[in-house]
C-alpha atoms as a PDB file:
ATOM      1  CA  MET A   1     116.908 104.680 112.038  1.00  0.00           C
ATOM      2  CA  ARG A   2     117.543 101.999 114.859  1.00  0.00           C
ATOM      3  CA  ARG A   3     114.361 100.206 114.054  1.00  0.00           C
ATOM      4  CA  PHE A   4     115.113 100.241 110.371  1.00  0.00           C
ATOM      5  CA  TYR A   5     118.720  98.522 110.754  1.00  0.00           C
ATOM      6  CA  ALA A   6     116.977  96.114 113.494  1.00  0.00           C
ATOM      7  CA  ARG A   7     114.554  95.195 110.616  1.00  0.00           C
ATOM      8  CA  GLN A   8     117.290  94.514 108.163  1.00  0.00           C
ATOM      9  CA  ARG A   9     119.257  92.161 110.626  1.00  0.00           C
ATOM     10  CA  LEU A  10     116.136  90.211 111.352  1.00  0.00           C
ATOM     11  CA  GLY A  11     115.301  90.092 107.652  1.00  0.00           C
ATOM     12  CA  LEU A  12     118.721  88.549 107.060  1.00  0.00           C
ATOM     13  CA  LEU A  13     118.002  86.148 109.875  1.00  0.00           C
ATOM     14  CA  ALA A  14     114.763  85.001 108.327  1.00  0.00           C
ATOM     15  CA  ALA A  15     116.339  84.379 104.967  1.00  0.00           C
ATOM     16  CA  LEU A  16     119.309  82.246 106.552  1.00  0.00           C
ATOM     17  CA  THR A  17     116.782  80.219 108.691  1.00  0.00           C
ATOM     18  CA  GLY A  18     114.021  79.998 106.037  1.00  0.00           C
ATOM     19  CA  LEU A  19     115.222  76.860 104.348  1.00  0.00           C
ATOM     20  CA  ALA A  20     115.485  74.908 107.375  1.00  0.00           C
ATOM     21  CA  ALA A  21     112.026  76.054 108.224  1.00  0.00           C
ATOM     22  CA  PHE A  22     110.652  74.971 104.771  1.00  0.00           C
ATOM     23  CA  ALA A  23     112.472  71.571 105.514  1.00  0.00           C
ATOM     24  CA  ALA A  24     110.825  71.294 108.725  1.00  0.00           C
ATOM     25  CA  LEU A  25     107.502  72.110 107.370  1.00  0.00           C
ATOM     26  CA  LEU A  26     107.735  69.438 104.762  1.00  0.00           C
ATOM     27  CA  ASN A  27     108.625  66.926 107.392  1.00  0.00           C
ATOM     28  CA  GLY A  28     105.736  67.869 109.425  1.00  0.00           C
ATOM     29  CA  PRO A  29     101.959  67.260 109.034  1.00  0.00           C
ATOM     30  CA  ALA A  30     100.614  67.705 105.435  1.00  0.00           C
ATOM     31  CA  ALA A  31      98.093  70.077 106.714  1.00  0.00           C
ATOM     32  CA  SER A  32     100.504  72.845 107.407  1.00  0.00           C
ATOM     33  CA  ALA A  33     101.531  72.947 103.835  1.00  0.00           C
ATOM     34  CA  ALA A  34      98.661  75.144 102.781  1.00  0.00           C
ATOM     35  CA  LEU A  35      99.725  78.019 104.793  1.00  0.00           C
ATOM     36  CA  PRO A  36     102.466  80.229 103.529  1.00  0.00           C
ATOM     37  CA  THR A  37     105.515  78.994 105.355  1.00  0.00           C
ATOM     38  CA  PRO A  38     106.024  80.939 108.483  1.00  0.00           C
ATOM     39  CA  VAL A  39     109.442  82.011 109.723  1.00  0.00           C
ATOM     40  CA  SER A  40     111.564  79.939 111.760  1.00  0.00           C
ATOM     41  CA  GLY A  41     111.413  79.474 115.624  1.00  0.00           C
ATOM     42  CA  ALA A  42     114.659  81.363 115.901  1.00  0.00           C
ATOM     43  CA  THR A  43     113.479  84.176 113.583  1.00  0.00           C
ATOM     44  CA  ALA A  44     110.032  84.147 115.408  1.00  0.00           C
ATOM     45  CA  ARG A  45     111.881  84.507 118.839  1.00  0.00           C
ATOM     46  CA  ALA A  46     113.859  87.501 117.347  1.00  0.00           C
ATOM     47  CA  TYR A  47     110.828  89.082 115.971  1.00  0.00           C
ATOM     48  CA  LEU A  48     109.025  88.830 119.157  1.00  0.00           C
ATOM     49  CA  ALA A  49     111.605  90.439 120.987  1.00  0.00           C
ATOM     50  CA  ALA A  50     111.506  93.458 118.670  1.00  0.00           C
ATOM     51  CA  LEU A  51     107.467  93.892 119.002  1.00  0.00           C
ATOM     52  CA  THR A  52     106.330  96.740 121.217  1.00  0.00           C
ATOM     53  CA  VAL A  53     104.634  95.604 124.312  1.00  0.00           C
ATOM     54  CA  ALA A  54     101.445  97.695 125.097  1.00  0.00           C
ATOM     55  CA  SER A  55      98.075  97.294 126.531  1.00  0.00           C
ATOM     56  CA  GLU A  56      95.074  96.743 124.021  1.00  0.00           C
ATOM     57  CA  ASP A  57      92.521  99.281 123.168  1.00  0.00           C
ATOM     58  CA  ARG A  58      89.479  98.161 121.211  1.00  0.00           C
ATOM     59  CA  THR A  59      87.589 101.490 121.449  1.00  0.00           C
ATOM     60  CA  GLY A  60      85.988 101.995 117.917  1.00  0.00           C
ATOM     61  CA  TYR A  61      86.503  98.617 116.627  1.00  0.00           C
ATOM     62  CA  ASP A  62      83.930  97.513 113.882  1.00  0.00           C
ATOM     63  CA  ARG A  63      84.664  94.485 111.714  1.00  0.00           C
ATOM     64  CA  GLU A  64      83.262  96.444 108.426  1.00  0.00           C
ATOM     65  CA  LEU A  65      86.394  98.763 109.064  1.00  0.00           C
ATOM     66  CA  PHE A  66      88.298  95.748 107.516  1.00  0.00           C
ATOM     67  CA  PRO A  67      87.069  95.358 104.197  1.00  0.00           C
ATOM     68  CA  HIS A  68      87.464  91.540 103.649  1.00  0.00           C
ATOM     69  CA  TRP A  69      87.020  88.970 100.938  1.00  0.00           C
ATOM     70  CA  SER A  70      88.177  91.334  98.139  1.00  0.00           C
ATOM     71  CA  THR A  71      88.062  90.046  94.543  1.00  0.00           C
ATOM     72  CA  VAL A  72      91.367  88.233  93.786  1.00  0.00           C
ATOM     73  CA  SER A  73      90.954  87.310  90.179  1.00  0.00           C
ATOM     74  CA  GLY A  74      87.787  87.001  87.915  1.00  0.00           C
ATOM     75  CA  ALA A  75      84.738  85.852  89.996  1.00  0.00           C
ATOM     76  CA  CYS A  76      87.257  84.643  92.760  1.00  0.00           C
ATOM     77  CA  ASN A  77      87.406  86.506  96.102  1.00  0.00           C
ATOM     78  CA  THR A  78      89.866  85.976  98.975  1.00  0.00           C
ATOM     79  CA  ARG A  79      87.702  83.316 100.771  1.00  0.00           C
ATOM     80  CA  GLU A  80      87.263  81.359  97.552  1.00  0.00           C
ATOM     81  CA  THR A  81      90.937  81.533  96.740  1.00  0.00           C
ATOM     82  CA  VAL A  82      91.921  80.085 100.087  1.00  0.00           C
ATOM     83  CA  LEU A  83      89.256  77.232  99.926  1.00  0.00           C
ATOM     84  CA  LYS A  84      90.974  76.300  96.555  1.00  0.00           C
ATOM     85  CA  ARG A  85      94.518  76.654  97.977  1.00  0.00           C
ATOM     86  CA  ASP A  86      93.766  74.741 101.100  1.00  0.00           C
ATOM     87  CA  GLY A  87      91.628  72.027  99.895  1.00  0.00           C
ATOM     88  CA  GLU A  88      92.056  68.722  97.768  1.00  0.00           C
ATOM     89  CA  ASN A  89      90.378  68.267  94.415  1.00  0.00           C
ATOM     90  CA  VAL A  90      88.277  71.248  94.840  1.00  0.00           C
ATOM     91  CA  VAL A  91      85.714  71.711  92.017  1.00  0.00           C
ATOM     92  CA  THR A  92      84.240  75.359  91.705  1.00  0.00           C
ATOM     93  CA  ASP A  93      81.216  76.543  89.599  1.00  0.00           C
ATOM     94  CA  SER A  94      81.145  79.447  87.179  1.00  0.00           C
ATOM     95  CA  SER A  95      80.961  81.939  90.232  1.00  0.00           C
ATOM     96  CA  CYS A  96      83.935  80.340  91.773  1.00  0.00           C
ATOM     97  CA  ALA A  97      82.051  78.804  94.785  1.00  0.00           C
ATOM     98  CA  ALA A  98      83.367  75.412  95.934  1.00  0.00           C
ATOM     99  CA  THR A  99      80.799  72.767  94.849  1.00  0.00           C
ATOM    100  CA  ALA A 100      83.254  69.570  95.772  1.00  0.00           C
ATOM    101  CA  GLY A 101      86.477  69.099  97.515  1.00  0.00           C
ATOM    102  CA  SER A 102      87.907  68.039 100.922  1.00  0.00           C
ATOM    103  CA  TRP A 103      89.504  70.179 103.506  1.00  0.00           C
ATOM    104  CA  TYR A 104      91.622  69.304 106.497  1.00  0.00           C
ATOM    105  CA  SER A 105      91.641  71.633 109.561  1.00  0.00           C
ATOM    106  CA  PRO A 106      95.000  71.619 110.921  1.00  0.00           C
ATOM    107  CA  TYR A 107      93.570  73.344 114.207  1.00  0.00           C
ATOM    108  CA  ASP A 108      91.514  70.182 115.219  1.00  0.00           C
ATOM    109  CA  GLY A 109      92.524  67.378 112.914  1.00  0.00           C
ATOM    110  CA  ALA A 110      89.078  67.241 111.136  1.00  0.00           C
ATOM    111  CA  THR A 111      88.460  66.893 107.391  1.00  0.00           C
ATOM    112  CA  TRP A 112      85.270  68.178 105.658  1.00  0.00           C
ATOM    113  CA  THR A 113      83.719  67.564 102.231  1.00  0.00           C
ATOM    114  CA  ALA A 114      81.375  70.614 102.232  1.00  0.00           C
ATOM    115  CA  ALA A 115      82.888  74.195 102.010  1.00  0.00           C
ATOM    116  CA  SER A 116      79.857  75.340 104.294  1.00  0.00           C
ATOM    117  CA  ASP A 117      81.724  73.435 106.900  1.00  0.00           C
ATOM    118  CA  VAL A 118      84.942  75.453 106.691  1.00  0.00           C
ATOM    119  CA  ASP A 119      85.573  79.222 107.857  1.00  0.00           C
ATOM    120  CA  ILE A 120      88.816  81.146 106.613  1.00  0.00           C
ATOM    121  CA  ASP A 121      90.331  82.254 109.970  1.00  0.00           C
ATOM    122  CA  HIS A 122      92.245  85.396 110.142  1.00  0.00           C
ATOM    123  CA  LEU A 123      95.095  83.809 112.153  1.00  0.00           C
ATOM    124  CA  VAL A 124      95.634  87.173 113.716  1.00  0.00           C
ATOM    125  CA  PRO A 125      91.986  88.135 114.270  1.00  0.00           C
ATOM    126  CA  LEU A 126      90.862  91.594 112.984  1.00  0.00           C
ATOM    127  CA  ALA A 127      89.856  92.889 116.390  1.00  0.00           C
ATOM    128  CA  GLU A 128      93.091  91.834 117.633  1.00  0.00           C
ATOM    129  CA  ALA A 129      94.744  93.534 115.091  1.00  0.00           C
ATOM    130  CA  TRP A 130      92.758  96.924 115.821  1.00  0.00           C
ATOM    131  CA  ASP A 131      93.686  96.529 119.473  1.00  0.00           C
ATOM    132  CA  SER A 132      97.115  96.355 118.618  1.00  0.00           C
ATOM    133  CA  GLY A 133      97.583  99.234 116.495  1.00  0.00           C
ATOM    134  CA  ALA A 134      95.302  98.818 113.235  1.00  0.00           C
ATOM    135  CA  GLY A 135      92.965 101.439 114.458  1.00  0.00           C
ATOM    136  CA  ALA A 136      95.166 104.165 113.429  1.00  0.00           C
ATOM    137  CA  TRP A 137      95.630 102.685 109.979  1.00  0.00           C
ATOM    138  CA  THR A 138      94.040 103.594 106.900  1.00  0.00           C
ATOM    139  CA  THR A 139      91.162 101.519 105.150  1.00  0.00           C
ATOM    140  CA  SER A 140      93.156 100.318 102.345  1.00  0.00           C
ATOM    141  CA  ARG A 141      95.912  98.964 104.866  1.00  0.00           C
ATOM    142  CA  ARG A 142      93.087  97.132 106.910  1.00  0.00           C
ATOM    143  CA  GLN A 143      91.943  95.855 103.686  1.00  0.00           C
ATOM    144  CA  ALA A 144      95.183  94.517 102.721  1.00  0.00           C
ATOM    145  CA  PHE A 145      95.593  92.971 106.223  1.00  0.00           C
ATOM    146  CA  ALA A 146      92.156  91.093 105.988  1.00  0.00           C
ATOM    147  CA  ASN A 147      93.005  89.748 102.636  1.00  0.00           C
ATOM    148  CA  ASP A 148      96.476  88.890 103.096  1.00  0.00           C
ATOM    149  CA  LEU A 149      97.458  85.810 100.953  1.00  0.00           C
ATOM    150  CA  THR A 150     101.200  86.559 101.164  1.00  0.00           C
ATOM    151  CA  ARG A 151     101.752  86.143 104.824  1.00  0.00           C
ATOM    152  CA  PRO A 152     100.555  83.212 107.011  1.00  0.00           C
ATOM    153  CA  GLN A 153      97.581  85.080 107.940  1.00  0.00           C
ATOM    154  CA  LEU A 154      94.608  83.218 106.187  1.00  0.00           C
ATOM    155  CA  LEU A 155      93.740  79.366 106.738  1.00  0.00           C
ATOM    156  CA  ALA A 156      90.850  77.072 106.219  1.00  0.00           C
ATOM    157  CA  VAL A 157      89.660  75.596 109.335  1.00  0.00           C
ATOM    158  CA  THR A 158      86.561  73.871 110.847  1.00  0.00           C
ATOM    159  CA  ASP A 159      83.933  76.714 111.270  1.00  0.00           C
ATOM    160  CA  ASN A 160      82.986  76.072 114.981  1.00  0.00           C
ATOM    161  CA  VAL A 161      86.473  75.930 115.938  1.00  0.00           C
ATOM    162  CA  ASN A 162      87.153  79.279 114.285  1.00  0.00           C
ATOM    163  CA  GLN A 163      84.137  80.767 115.923  1.00  0.00           C
ATOM    164  CA  ALA A 164      85.325  79.376 119.282  1.00  0.00           C
ATOM    165  CA  LYS A 165      88.584  81.156 118.927  1.00  0.00           C
ATOM    166  CA  GLY A 166      86.893  84.412 117.966  1.00  0.00           C
ATOM    167  CA  ASP A 167      89.131  87.301 118.629  1.00  0.00           C
ATOM    168  CA  GLN A 168      91.368  85.450 121.180  1.00  0.00           C
ATOM    169  CA  ASP A 169      95.269  85.688 121.290  1.00  0.00           C
ATOM    170  CA  PRO A 170      97.502  82.858 122.315  1.00  0.00           C
ATOM    171  CA  ALA A 171      97.383  83.707 125.955  1.00  0.00           C
ATOM    172  CA  THR A 172      93.718  82.486 125.954  1.00  0.00           C
ATOM    173  CA  TRP A 173      93.398  80.184 122.966  1.00  0.00           C
ATOM    174  CA  MET A 174      95.665  77.789 120.946  1.00  0.00           C
ATOM    175  CA  PRO A 175      94.872  74.958 118.426  1.00  0.00           C
ATOM    176  CA  SER A 176      93.635  71.770 120.210  1.00  0.00           C
ATOM    177  CA  ARG A 177      96.167  69.704 117.871  1.00  0.00           C
ATOM    178  CA  THR A 178      99.479  70.439 119.728  1.00  0.00           C
ATOM    179  CA  ALA A 179     101.518  69.409 116.748  1.00  0.00           C
ATOM    180  CA  TYR A 180     100.152  72.448 115.092  1.00  0.00           C
ATOM    181  CA  ARG A 181     101.030  75.119 117.810  1.00  0.00           C
ATOM    182  CA  CYS A 182     104.430  75.678 116.948  1.00  0.00           C
ATOM    183  CA  THR A 183     103.398  76.726 113.303  1.00  0.00           C
ATOM    184  CA  TYR A 184     100.564  78.727 114.725  1.00  0.00           C
ATOM    185  CA  VAL A 185     102.778  81.035 117.133  1.00  0.00           C
ATOM    186  CA  ARG A 186     105.486  81.320 114.414  1.00  0.00           C
ATOM    187  CA  ALA A 187     102.854  82.404 112.002  1.00  0.00           C
ATOM    188  CA  TRP A 188     101.185  84.685 114.671  1.00  0.00           C
ATOM    189  CA  VAL A 189     104.457  86.395 115.418  1.00  0.00           C
ATOM    190  CA  GLN A 190     105.535  87.071 111.579  1.00  0.00           C
ATOM    191  CA  VAL A 191     102.185  88.663 110.871  1.00  0.00           C
ATOM    192  CA  LYS A 192     102.398  90.772 113.858  1.00  0.00           C
ATOM    193  CA  TYR A 193     106.064  91.796 113.170  1.00  0.00           C
ATOM    194  CA  TYR A 194     105.283  92.714 109.436  1.00  0.00           C
ATOM    195  CA  TYR A 195     102.422  95.070 110.287  1.00  0.00           C
ATOM    196  CA  ASP A 196     104.422  96.495 113.111  1.00  0.00           C
ATOM    197  CA  LEU A 197     101.532  95.476 115.541  1.00  0.00           C
ATOM    198  CA  SER A 198     101.959  95.265 119.484  1.00  0.00           C
ATOM    199  CA  VAL A 199     101.621  92.535 121.886  1.00  0.00           C
ATOM    200  CA  ASP A 200     100.133  92.794 125.208  1.00  0.00           C
ATOM    201  CA  PRO A 201     101.980  91.294 128.170  1.00  0.00           C
ATOM    202  CA  ALA A 202     100.133  88.214 128.735  1.00  0.00           C
ATOM    203  CA  GLU A 203     100.272  87.537 124.795  1.00  0.00           C
ATOM    204  CA  LYS A 204     104.056  87.948 124.681  1.00  0.00           C
ATOM    205  CA  SER A 205     104.441  85.676 127.728  1.00  0.00           C
ATOM    206  CA  ALA A 206     102.391  82.876 126.115  1.00  0.00           C
ATOM    207  CA  LEU A 207     104.146  83.311 122.746  1.00  0.00           C
ATOM    208  CA  GLN A 208     107.617  83.275 124.532  1.00  0.00           C
ATOM    209  CA  ASN A 209     106.447  79.886 126.347  1.00  0.00           C
ATOM    210  CA  HIS A 210     105.097  78.195 123.173  1.00  0.00           C
ATOM    211  CA  LEU A 211     108.209  79.456 120.962  1.00  0.00           C
ATOM    212  CA  ALA A 212     110.777  78.142 123.550  1.00  0.00           C
ATOM    213  CA  GLY A 213     109.808  74.555 122.221  1.00  0.00           C
ATOM    214  CA  CYS A 214     110.072  75.292 118.469  1.00  0.00           C
END
């Protein structure tokens, strides 16, 4: 019951600060507009304080336990939907594959004109989610997490940057573009809070340090 009321209070804080966060986003780099607007720095700090701190456990993890790139509409799956959302002048064929367009990667500031050079990053990686509590979820909930277009969880980025990030959390990996780090950690905490995932001590410390400047 206490957790329920705490979430209600934090939800109200998010609503009150959401407009300010949106205004800040509009005044920031255009690249961040593609990602669903994360909660404000103040709300992210409140969310982080409410998260459970626990050690990670990867026992039993398998990427296939998170069914991903589900069909969204017609022939379009989640990956193709994010490519269209995050790109400029995106052209698709009859199977919804992107055949033209450009994509700006807010992690590193690179722009690409071939969809093959772009990955869709799970901002909170699937393995990180498993470590933090998703191992106890149903398959349908893991599928919802892996294809979440509502929370700031999916983003088109440079493929080799995404691969270098792998399953790391903010204690060991952050976007090279410092201008995007505040957006990144706000989004990370929002996703973890929404899905009631834990944070490990080093992760929490890194998030606190980055959020202090947001």
